N, C-alpha and C. Protein backbone atom coordinates (compact mmCIF):
# COMPACT_ATOMS: atom_id res chain seq x y z
N UNK A 1 -75.03 222.38 95.95
CA UNK A 1 -75.16 221.79 96.82
C UNK A 1 -75.74 220.12 96.04
N UNK A 2 -75.45 219.62 96.37
CA UNK A 2 -75.99 217.78 96.03
C UNK A 2 -76.86 217.42 97.02
N UNK A 3 -77.96 216.53 96.47
CA UNK A 3 -78.69 216.21 97.23
C UNK A 3 -77.80 214.11 98.02
N UNK A 4 -78.05 213.82 99.49
CA UNK A 4 -77.36 212.54 99.50
C UNK A 4 -77.74 212.00 98.64
N UNK A 5 -77.03 210.94 97.83
CA UNK A 5 -77.41 209.62 96.95
C UNK A 5 -76.38 209.37 96.33
N UNK A 6 -76.23 208.39 95.29
CA UNK A 6 -75.23 207.71 94.67
C UNK A 6 -74.68 208.55 93.65
N UNK A 7 -73.47 208.88 93.27
CA UNK A 7 -73.57 209.71 92.23
C UNK A 7 -72.25 208.90 91.38
N UNK A 8 -72.12 209.40 90.35
CA UNK A 8 -71.24 208.32 89.31
C UNK A 8 -69.89 209.61 89.00
N UNK A 9 -68.54 209.27 89.52
CA UNK A 9 -67.41 210.06 88.79
C UNK A 9 -66.81 209.77 87.19
N UNK A 10 -66.62 210.39 86.43
CA UNK A 10 -66.36 210.31 85.28
C UNK A 10 -64.83 211.11 85.47
N UNK A 11 -63.51 210.54 84.80
CA UNK A 11 -62.28 211.38 84.36
C UNK A 11 -61.83 210.84 82.25
N UNK A 12 -61.65 211.37 82.42
CA UNK A 12 -60.35 211.50 81.02
C UNK A 12 -59.59 210.16 81.49
N UNK A 13 -59.17 209.14 80.50
CA UNK A 13 -58.46 207.90 81.26
C UNK A 13 -56.87 208.38 81.12
N UNK A 14 -55.99 208.21 81.28
CA UNK A 14 -54.52 208.10 81.44
C UNK A 14 -54.04 207.34 80.68
N UNK A 15 -53.27 207.80 79.26
CA UNK A 15 -52.47 207.12 78.68
C UNK A 15 -51.62 206.17 79.85
N UNK A 16 -51.33 205.10 79.25
CA UNK A 16 -50.30 203.92 79.97
C UNK A 16 -50.74 203.22 81.15
N UNK A 17 -52.13 204.13 81.76
CA UNK A 17 -52.91 203.56 83.40
C UNK A 17 -53.44 202.22 82.99
N UNK A 18 -53.26 201.74 83.96
CA UNK A 18 -53.68 200.11 84.48
C UNK A 18 -54.86 200.10 85.50
N UNK A 19 -54.86 200.57 86.34
CA UNK A 19 -55.77 201.00 87.07
C UNK A 19 -55.94 202.62 87.98
N UNK A 20 -56.89 202.72 88.52
CA UNK A 20 -56.67 204.16 89.44
C UNK A 20 -57.34 203.64 90.58
N UNK A 21 -56.94 205.03 91.48
CA UNK A 21 -57.23 204.97 92.81
C UNK A 21 -57.88 206.12 93.28
N UNK A 22 -59.20 206.31 93.47
CA UNK A 22 -60.36 207.30 94.06
C UNK A 22 -60.25 207.53 95.68
N UNK A 23 -59.45 208.43 95.84
CA UNK A 23 -59.82 209.16 97.57
C UNK A 23 -61.11 209.92 97.51
N UNK A 24 -61.73 209.81 98.67
CA UNK A 24 -62.89 210.76 99.25
C UNK A 24 -62.78 211.16 100.41
N UNK A 25 -62.38 212.18 100.61
CA UNK A 25 -62.52 213.05 101.83
C UNK A 25 -63.57 213.57 102.90
N UNK A 26 -63.91 213.90 104.02
CA UNK A 26 -64.68 214.45 104.62
C UNK A 26 -64.63 215.68 105.34
N UNK A 27 -65.03 216.75 105.67
CA UNK A 27 -64.68 217.71 106.13
C UNK A 27 -65.73 217.71 107.29
N UNK A 28 -65.18 217.34 108.39
CA UNK A 28 -65.44 217.50 109.66
C UNK A 28 -65.72 216.13 110.37
N UNK A 29 -65.38 215.16 109.56
CA UNK A 29 -65.93 214.02 109.66
C UNK A 29 -65.06 213.02 111.09
N UNK A 30 -63.42 213.29 111.05
CA UNK A 30 -62.80 212.89 111.79
C UNK A 30 -62.10 214.14 112.85
N UNK A 31 -62.05 215.19 112.38
CA UNK A 31 -61.59 216.35 113.44
C UNK A 31 -62.73 217.58 113.49
N UNK A 32 -63.19 218.16 113.91
CA UNK A 32 -64.02 219.76 113.55
C UNK A 32 -63.70 220.35 113.10
N UNK A 33 -64.02 220.94 112.10
CA UNK A 33 -63.22 222.05 111.10
C UNK A 33 -62.29 221.92 109.60
N UNK A 34 -61.77 220.41 109.64
CA UNK A 34 -60.62 219.80 108.99
C UNK A 34 -61.44 218.95 108.47
N UNK A 35 -60.63 218.39 106.93
CA UNK A 35 -60.30 217.40 106.28
C UNK A 35 -59.79 216.43 107.20
N UNK A 36 -61.02 214.76 106.82
CA UNK A 36 -59.89 213.80 107.69
C UNK A 36 -58.43 213.53 107.23
N UNK A 37 -58.15 213.96 106.06
CA UNK A 37 -56.59 213.87 105.50
C UNK A 37 -55.89 214.60 105.99
N UNK A 38 -56.50 216.10 106.50
CA UNK A 38 -55.64 217.30 106.95
C UNK A 38 -54.98 216.83 108.50
N UNK A 39 -56.01 215.88 109.40
CA UNK A 39 -55.19 215.52 110.12
C UNK A 39 -55.08 213.71 110.14
N UNK A 40 -54.23 213.50 109.18
CA UNK A 40 -53.79 212.07 109.31
C UNK A 40 -54.57 211.12 109.21
N UNK A 41 -56.23 211.26 108.53
CA UNK A 41 -56.99 209.77 108.80
C UNK A 41 -57.45 209.79 107.56
N UNK A 42 -57.35 208.46 107.67
CA UNK A 42 -58.27 208.28 105.81
C UNK A 42 -59.89 208.61 105.94
N UNK A 43 -60.49 208.41 105.16
CA UNK A 43 -62.13 208.47 104.97
C UNK A 43 -62.47 207.55 104.35
N UNK A 44 -62.08 207.23 103.28
CA UNK A 44 -62.45 206.28 102.23
C UNK A 44 -61.99 206.73 100.48
N UNK A 45 -61.03 204.85 100.54
CA UNK A 45 -60.47 204.97 99.49
C UNK A 45 -60.63 203.82 99.18
N UNK A 46 -60.87 204.19 97.06
CA UNK A 46 -61.37 202.79 96.50
C UNK A 46 -59.64 202.73 95.61
N UNK A 47 -59.74 201.60 95.45
CA UNK A 47 -58.40 201.33 94.99
C UNK A 47 -58.37 200.12 94.26
N UNK A 48 -57.58 200.14 92.59
CA UNK A 48 -57.74 198.72 92.04
C UNK A 48 -58.56 199.03 90.48
N UNK A 49 -59.73 200.33 90.66
CA UNK A 49 -60.71 200.09 89.58
C UNK A 49 -59.88 200.40 88.37
N UNK A 50 -60.20 199.44 87.81
CA UNK A 50 -60.09 199.12 85.61
C UNK A 50 -60.39 200.09 85.27
N UNK A 51 -61.56 201.00 85.05
CA UNK A 51 -61.98 202.06 84.28
C UNK A 51 -62.04 203.50 84.70
N UNK A 52 -62.17 204.65 84.07
CA UNK A 52 -62.04 205.56 84.79
C UNK A 52 -63.26 206.49 84.75
N UNK A 53 -63.97 205.44 86.24
CA UNK A 53 -65.08 206.24 86.95
C UNK A 53 -65.15 205.22 87.93
N UNK A 54 -66.18 205.77 88.98
CA UNK A 54 -66.19 205.43 90.23
C UNK A 54 -67.62 205.84 90.41
N UNK A 55 -68.21 204.84 91.12
CA UNK A 55 -69.73 205.61 91.64
C UNK A 55 -69.65 205.35 92.97
N UNK A 56 -70.27 206.72 93.36
CA UNK A 56 -69.60 206.44 94.80
C UNK A 56 -71.15 207.35 95.92
N UNK A 57 -71.54 206.55 96.84
CA UNK A 57 -72.71 207.11 97.41
C UNK A 57 -72.28 207.89 99.12
N UNK A 58 -73.23 209.23 99.21
CA UNK A 58 -72.84 209.63 100.19
C UNK A 58 -74.31 209.70 100.66
N UNK A 59 -74.16 210.67 102.13
CA UNK A 59 -75.10 210.78 102.72
C UNK A 59 -74.64 211.85 104.40
N UNK A 60 -75.86 212.19 104.77
CA UNK A 60 -75.58 213.48 105.81
C UNK A 60 -74.93 214.99 105.04
N UNK A 61 -75.11 215.77 105.91
CA UNK A 61 -74.76 216.73 105.58
C UNK A 61 -73.41 217.32 105.50
N UNK A 62 -72.41 217.12 104.66
CA UNK A 62 -71.26 217.23 104.91
C UNK A 62 -70.52 218.09 103.70
N UNK A 63 -69.37 219.10 103.70
CA UNK A 63 -68.62 219.30 102.91
C UNK A 63 -67.31 218.16 102.42
N UNK A 64 -67.74 217.69 101.39
CA UNK A 64 -66.17 216.64 101.19
C UNK A 64 -65.77 217.07 99.68
N UNK A 65 -64.76 216.14 99.33
CA UNK A 65 -63.59 216.24 98.22
C UNK A 65 -63.21 214.70 97.99
N UNK A 66 -63.11 214.98 96.53
CA UNK A 66 -62.51 213.63 96.15
C UNK A 66 -61.17 214.31 95.17
N UNK A 67 -60.53 213.22 94.69
CA UNK A 67 -58.76 213.11 93.91
C UNK A 67 -58.86 211.57 93.07
N UNK A 68 -58.38 211.83 92.40
CA UNK A 68 -57.80 210.58 91.77
C UNK A 68 -56.30 210.42 91.43
N UNK A 69 -56.01 209.12 90.82
CA UNK A 69 -54.69 208.86 90.50
C UNK A 69 -54.54 207.87 90.04
N UNK A 70 -53.64 207.94 88.38
CA UNK A 70 -53.26 206.53 87.82
C UNK A 70 -52.49 205.88 88.20
N UNK A 71 -52.19 204.75 88.00
CA UNK A 71 -51.43 203.87 88.35
C UNK A 71 -51.32 202.79 87.39
N UNK A 72 -49.66 202.44 86.41
CA UNK A 72 -49.14 202.06 85.79
C UNK A 72 -48.71 200.37 85.64
N UNK A 73 -48.51 199.49 84.66
CA UNK A 73 -48.67 198.37 85.38
C UNK A 73 -47.60 197.79 86.13
N UNK A 74 -46.59 198.74 86.45
CA UNK A 74 -46.07 198.30 87.23
C UNK A 74 -45.41 198.35 88.98
N UNK A 75 -47.24 199.16 88.47
CA UNK A 75 -47.35 199.63 90.16
C UNK A 75 -46.86 200.56 90.71
N UNK A 76 -46.42 201.89 89.39
CA UNK A 76 -46.08 203.05 89.99
C UNK A 76 -47.26 204.04 89.75
N UNK A 77 -47.39 204.54 90.97
CA UNK A 77 -48.51 205.35 91.11
C UNK A 77 -48.22 206.96 90.33
N UNK A 78 -49.32 207.69 89.55
CA UNK A 78 -49.13 208.92 89.18
C UNK A 78 -49.26 210.06 90.07
N UNK A 79 -49.11 211.78 89.57
CA UNK A 79 -49.77 212.35 90.11
C UNK A 79 -51.36 212.39 90.56
N UNK A 80 -51.60 213.26 91.98
CA UNK A 80 -53.13 213.03 92.00
C UNK A 80 -53.32 214.56 90.89
N UNK A 81 -55.01 214.09 90.98
CA UNK A 81 -55.43 215.23 90.25
C UNK A 81 -55.71 216.13 91.51
N UNK A 82 -56.17 217.41 91.17
CA UNK A 82 -57.04 218.24 92.01
C UNK A 82 -58.00 217.94 93.29
N UNK A 83 -57.71 218.15 94.08
CA UNK A 83 -59.20 217.80 95.16
C UNK A 83 -60.14 218.49 93.89
N UNK A 84 -61.47 217.70 94.28
CA UNK A 84 -63.04 218.18 92.84
C UNK A 84 -63.77 218.42 94.76
N UNK A 85 -64.42 219.42 95.27
CA UNK A 85 -65.41 219.26 96.27
C UNK A 85 -66.77 219.92 96.11
N UNK A 86 -67.35 219.02 96.97
CA UNK A 86 -68.97 218.91 96.63
C UNK A 86 -69.93 219.30 98.59
N UNK A 87 -71.22 219.55 98.48
CA UNK A 87 -71.57 219.60 99.56
C UNK A 87 -72.23 218.61 99.01
N UNK A 88 -73.10 217.67 100.61
CA UNK A 88 -73.76 217.06 100.56
C UNK A 88 -75.27 217.57 101.42
N UNK A 89 -76.69 217.34 100.79
CA UNK A 89 -77.39 217.87 101.96
C UNK A 89 -78.67 216.57 101.74
N UNK A 90 -78.55 216.16 102.64
CA UNK A 90 -79.26 215.26 103.28
C UNK A 90 -80.96 214.99 103.62
N UNK A 91 -81.30 216.62 103.43
CA UNK A 91 -83.05 216.92 103.56
C UNK A 91 -83.87 216.65 102.37
N UNK A 92 -84.11 216.08 102.58
CA UNK A 92 -85.34 215.33 101.63
C UNK A 92 -85.93 216.44 100.66
N UNK A 93 -85.60 216.44 99.12
CA UNK A 93 -86.64 217.37 98.19
C UNK A 93 -87.87 216.97 98.72
N UNK A 94 -88.47 218.27 98.39
CA UNK A 94 -90.40 218.52 98.91
C UNK A 94 -90.89 218.17 97.47
N UNK A 95 -91.87 217.63 97.50
CA UNK A 95 -92.29 217.51 96.09
C UNK A 95 -93.96 217.60 96.15
């Protein structure tokens, strides 16, 4: 489980990619018990990324997931990566 905050995601560059798109999805944020994409709704999309990294800010107590895909110079998208999931815990850490 990750604490709420800002996280850098880094993936291996894809040969021939001129940009990347990252999709972040949230369980229960759009409909109870389902990810937003499962009910046909978008949650968060970052398009036109020039590098193979993205920093996301997350908060709330959620199960979230993300995936990425490359886009070549003529705008053709590649295959989506597998979904990667993570839990977010907004409870402040005890010091």
